Amino acid sequence: MDNNKYAIILAGGQSRRMHSKVPKPLMSINGKFIVCYSLESFVGIVPISNIILVINSRHKGLYMVLWFNYPEYNGIKTVIGGNERFDSVKNALAALPDDGLVAIHDAARPYVPKPLIRKGYKLAKENNCAIPYHKTYNSVRIKDDDKNFIVDRDDVMLIDTPQFFNISLLKQAYEQDYNDKFTDDASVWESKNLPLTFFEGTRLNLKITYPEDLILMSTILENFY
């Protein structure tokens, strides 16, 4: 393991679209909390003390069940998230040193293979950042007012996490004010004219958003994890 590698797992959302009182990362798939799949993938690549779990302040008490059931994760640091994803990442970055590489991952994406993580860190070491994406096999159209236009699907990149960065440069990018155009860390990075490096990930790295996504992800994790 490389002590210069860090990971931020974002689990601070409110899970409104899941219509559940239980925060999404603490929902269970195949007998395991959703957040545990991501943690398990990073442990062994990143020292456990270099992993930061960002949680919602209102869910702090609920996470006691995670530490109780998975004492092996007790060395993980927790940080309280902010109003926006941007604020949550900024809070977590403040807990990291300036040197090294950091992966920022959404806890709602439980299928994150270790080879993908290793490749991301390698590319970020060479290029200061590495952003995974996957292709779409659907027909794609862009809506423009009352019109719409077909787009060549080979030109479409669906962006995933974890996204990998040089910590010092990413901290500088996060010194700016929040902009609602910041949909992920790559968009914050790019706004400071920092170049992006992309690599193809996997279509199975899906983000759980709606209740029906749990069914699909259960099958993925059962067969591929």
Protein backbone atom coordinates (compact mmCIF):
# COMPACT_ATOMS: atom_id res chain seq x y z
CA MET A 1 0.00 0.00 0.00
CA ASP A 2 1.06 3.57 -0.71
CA ASN A 3 0.71 5.97 2.23
CA ASN A 4 0.40 8.83 -0.29
CA LYS A 5 -2.95 7.50 -1.52
CA TYR A 6 -6.18 8.75 0.03
CA ALA A 7 -9.87 8.15 -0.59
CA ILE A 8 -12.98 10.22 0.11
CA ILE A 9 -16.24 8.27 0.17
CA LEU A 10 -19.23 10.59 -0.14
CA ALA A 11 -22.18 9.31 1.87
CA GLY A 12 -23.73 12.60 2.97
CA GLY A 13 -26.72 12.81 0.66
CA GLN A 14 -30.31 12.86 1.88
CA SER A 15 -31.52 9.95 -0.30
CA ARG A 16 -34.82 11.72 -1.06
CA ARG A 17 -35.49 9.81 -4.26
CA MET A 18 -35.18 6.47 -2.45
CA HIS A 19 -38.21 7.33 -0.27
CA SER A 20 -36.52 5.70 2.71
CA LYS A 21 -35.88 6.84 6.27
CA VAL A 22 -32.62 4.89 6.18
CA PRO A 23 -29.79 6.75 4.40
CA LYS A 24 -28.88 5.07 1.16
CA PRO A 25 -25.33 4.05 2.19
CA LEU A 26 -26.77 2.14 5.17
CA MET A 27 -29.35 0.27 3.13
CA SER A 28 -28.55 -3.39 2.66
CA ILE A 29 -27.84 -5.28 -0.55
CA ASN A 30 -27.25 -9.02 -0.30
CA GLY A 31 -26.75 -8.76 3.44
CA LYS A 32 -24.19 -5.95 3.38
CA PHE A 33 -24.51 -2.18 3.79
CA ILE A 34 -24.16 -0.39 0.45
CA VAL A 35 -21.27 1.74 1.73
CA CYS A 36 -19.33 -1.37 2.76
CA TYR A 37 -18.85 -2.46 -0.84
CA SER A 38 -16.93 0.73 -1.62
CA LEU A 39 -14.95 0.58 1.60
CA GLU A 40 -13.98 -3.02 0.93
CA SER A 41 -12.75 -2.11 -2.55
CA PHE A 42 -10.44 0.65 -1.29
CA VAL A 43 -9.11 -1.20 1.77
CA GLY A 44 -5.90 -2.95 0.77
CA ILE A 45 -5.08 -0.30 -1.82
CA VAL A 46 -5.36 2.68 0.53
CA PRO A 47 -4.40 2.56 4.24
CA ILE A 48 -7.58 2.48 6.26
CA SER A 49 -6.49 5.59 8.16
CA ASN A 50 -6.31 7.42 4.79
CA ILE A 51 -9.99 6.85 4.03
CA ILE A 52 -12.48 9.59 4.85
CA LEU A 53 -16.19 8.88 5.01
CA VAL A 54 -18.34 11.99 4.55
CA ILE A 55 -21.72 11.69 6.26
CA ASN A 56 -24.81 13.83 6.82
CA SER A 57 -24.90 15.45 10.26
CA ARG A 58 -28.46 14.16 10.75
CA HIS A 59 -27.31 10.58 10.20
CA LYS A 60 -24.36 10.64 12.58
CA GLY A 61 -26.10 8.48 15.19
CA LEU A 62 -27.23 5.97 12.58
CA TYR A 63 -23.64 5.24 11.58
CA MET A 64 -23.01 3.68 14.99
CA VAL A 65 -24.51 0.52 13.49
CA LEU A 66 -21.78 0.52 10.83
CA TRP A 67 -18.95 0.72 13.37
CA PHE A 68 -20.66 -1.90 15.56
CA ASN A 69 -21.15 -4.44 12.76
CA TYR A 70 -17.88 -3.73 10.95
CA PRO A 71 -15.24 -2.96 13.62
CA GLU A 72 -12.53 -3.42 10.99
CA TYR A 73 -13.53 -0.01 9.62
CA ASN A 74 -13.15 1.84 12.93
CA GLY A 75 -9.90 3.42 11.71
CA ILE A 76 -11.75 5.33 9.00
CA LYS A 77 -12.12 9.06 9.58
CA THR A 78 -15.54 10.68 9.36
CA VAL A 79 -16.27 14.21 8.20
CA ILE A 80 -19.61 16.00 8.24
CA GLY A 81 -20.80 17.00 4.79
CA GLY A 82 -22.18 20.34 3.63
CA ASN A 83 -25.25 21.60 1.81
CA GLU A 84 -23.88 20.68 -1.62
CA ARG A 85 -21.60 17.94 -2.87
CA PHE A 86 -19.04 20.68 -3.47
CA ASP A 87 -19.10 21.61 0.23
CA SER A 88 -18.79 17.99 1.32
CA VAL A 89 -15.70 17.41 -0.81
CA LYS A 90 -14.19 20.68 0.39
CA ASN A 91 -14.72 19.66 4.02
CA ALA A 92 -13.03 16.31 3.39
CA LEU A 93 -10.09 17.85 1.51
CA ALA A 94 -9.40 20.06 4.53
CA ALA A 95 -8.64 16.88 6.49
CA LEU A 96 -5.97 15.74 3.99
CA PRO A 97 -2.33 16.75 3.60
CA ASP A 98 -1.30 18.64 0.49
CA ASP A 99 0.87 15.87 -0.92
CA GLY A 100 -0.44 12.72 -2.52
CA LEU A 101 -3.33 11.45 -4.61
CA VAL A 102 -6.98 11.27 -3.68
CA ALA A 103 -9.87 9.27 -5.09
CA ILE A 104 -13.34 10.76 -4.61
CA HIS A 105 -16.13 8.23 -4.82
CA ASP A 106 -19.91 8.21 -4.40
CA ALA A 107 -21.00 5.62 -1.84
CA ALA A 108 -24.08 5.07 -4.01
CA ARG A 109 -21.84 3.30 -6.57
CA PRO A 110 -21.09 0.02 -4.74
CA TYR A 111 -19.58 -1.84 -7.70
CA VAL A 112 -16.08 -0.39 -7.95
CA PRO A 113 -13.53 -3.07 -8.90
CA LYS A 114 -10.03 -2.90 -7.44
CA PRO A 115 -8.38 -2.95 -10.91
CA LEU A 116 -10.29 0.23 -11.78
CA ILE A 117 -9.06 1.89 -8.58
CA ARG A 118 -5.45 0.87 -9.17
CA LYS A 119 -5.59 2.15 -12.76
CA GLY A 120 -7.06 5.46 -11.62
CA TYR A 121 -4.29 6.10 -9.10
CA LYS A 122 -1.64 5.13 -11.66
CA LEU A 123 -2.99 7.52 -14.29
CA ALA A 124 -3.43 10.32 -11.74
CA LYS A 125 0.19 9.93 -10.68
CA GLU A 126 1.22 10.39 -14.32
CA ASN A 127 -1.30 13.07 -15.31
CA ASN A 128 -2.50 14.69 -12.04
CA CYS A 129 -6.04 13.43 -12.62
CA ALA A 130 -7.93 10.44 -13.99
CA ILE A 131 -11.66 10.32 -14.67
CA PRO A 132 -13.48 7.04 -15.43
CA TYR A 133 -16.32 6.93 -17.93
CA HIS A 134 -18.39 4.40 -19.77
CA LYS A 135 -20.07 4.43 -23.15
CA THR A 136 -23.77 4.33 -23.92
CA TYR A 137 -25.44 1.91 -26.28
CA ASN A 138 -28.68 3.89 -26.43
CA SER A 139 -29.68 6.40 -29.06
CA VAL A 140 -28.98 9.89 -27.73
CA ARG A 141 -30.76 13.18 -28.36
CA ILE A 142 -30.16 16.67 -26.98
CA LYS A 143 -33.24 18.73 -26.18
CA ASP A 144 -33.14 22.40 -27.15
CA ASP A 145 -36.40 24.20 -26.30
CA ASP A 146 -39.07 22.64 -28.51
CA LYS A 147 -36.53 20.90 -30.76
CA ASN A 148 -34.16 17.99 -30.27
CA PHE A 149 -31.07 16.80 -32.07
CA ILE A 150 -29.57 13.38 -32.48
CA VAL A 151 -26.02 12.91 -31.17
CA ASP A 152 -23.55 10.26 -32.25
CA ARG A 153 -23.54 7.91 -29.27
CA ASP A 154 -19.86 7.11 -29.90
CA ASP A 155 -19.14 10.70 -28.87
CA VAL A 156 -21.03 10.41 -25.56
CA MET A 157 -19.12 9.80 -22.31
CA LEU A 158 -21.05 8.93 -19.16
CA ILE A 159 -18.87 10.06 -16.27
CA ASP A 160 -18.41 7.86 -13.21
CA THR A 161 -16.59 7.87 -9.89
CA PRO A 162 -14.13 7.38 -8.31
CA GLN A 163 -12.32 10.36 -9.78
CA PHE A 164 -8.62 10.65 -9.02
CA PHE A 165 -6.59 13.82 -8.46
CA ASN A 166 -3.37 15.39 -7.28
CA ILE A 167 -4.44 16.64 -3.83
CA SER A 168 -2.60 19.95 -3.90
CA LEU A 169 -4.03 20.98 -7.27
CA LEU A 170 -7.52 19.84 -6.35
CA LYS A 171 -7.43 21.86 -3.13
CA GLN A 172 -6.53 24.93 -5.18
CA ALA A 173 -9.50 24.28 -7.48
CA TYR A 174 -11.80 24.04 -4.48
CA GLU A 175 -10.73 27.43 -3.16
CA GLN A 176 -13.26 29.05 -5.51
CA ASP A 177 -16.91 29.67 -4.71
CA TYR A 178 -19.58 27.10 -5.47
CA ASN A 179 -21.18 27.18 -8.90
CA ASP A 180 -24.30 25.16 -9.75
CA LYS A 181 -22.51 23.96 -12.88
CA PHE A 182 -20.23 21.88 -10.67
CA THR A 183 -21.79 18.44 -11.05
CA ASP A 184 -18.68 16.52 -10.02
CA ASP A 185 -15.04 17.02 -9.11
CA ALA A 186 -13.92 16.93 -12.73
CA SER A 187 -16.04 20.00 -13.46
CA VAL A 188 -14.47 21.88 -10.53
CA TRP A 189 -10.98 20.86 -11.71
CA GLU A 190 -11.67 21.85 -15.32
CA SER A 191 -13.02 25.27 -14.29
CA LYS A 192 -9.47 26.21 -13.24
CA ASN A 193 -8.15 25.30 -16.71
CA LEU A 194 -6.60 22.09 -15.43
CA PRO A 195 -6.52 19.35 -18.10
CA LEU A 196 -8.59 16.21 -17.70
CA THR A 197 -7.44 12.66 -18.39
CA PHE A 198 -10.13 10.05 -19.02
CA PHE A 199 -10.07 6.27 -18.97
CA GLU A 200 -12.76 3.73 -19.72
CA GLY A 201 -14.28 2.14 -16.65
CA THR A 202 -17.23 -0.25 -16.50
CA ARG A 203 -20.94 0.03 -17.27
CA LEU A 204 -21.62 -1.94 -14.09
CA ASN A 205 -20.45 1.01 -11.97
CA LEU A 206 -24.02 2.26 -11.67
CA LYS A 207 -25.27 4.88 -9.26
CA ILE A 208 -28.15 3.80 -7.04
CA THR A 209 -30.74 6.57 -7.18
CA TYR A 210 -34.21 5.00 -7.25
CA PRO A 211 -35.64 1.96 -5.42
CA GLU A 212 -35.65 -0.16 -8.56
CA ASP A 213 -31.88 0.35 -8.86
CA LEU A 214 -31.47 -1.88 -5.79
CA ILE A 215 -32.77 -4.87 -7.74
CA LEU A 216 -30.32 -4.37 -10.60
CA MET A 217 -27.38 -3.71 -8.31
CA SER A 218 -28.17 -6.78 -6.21
CA THR A 219 -27.77 -8.93 -9.30
CA ILE A 220 -24.56 -7.17 -10.34
CA LEU A 221 -22.96 -7.55 -6.93
CA GLU A 222 -24.06 -11.16 -6.56
CA ASN A 223 -22.53 -12.18 -9.89
CA PHE A 224 -19.50 -9.92 -10.26
CA TYR A 225 -18.34 -8.82 -6.82
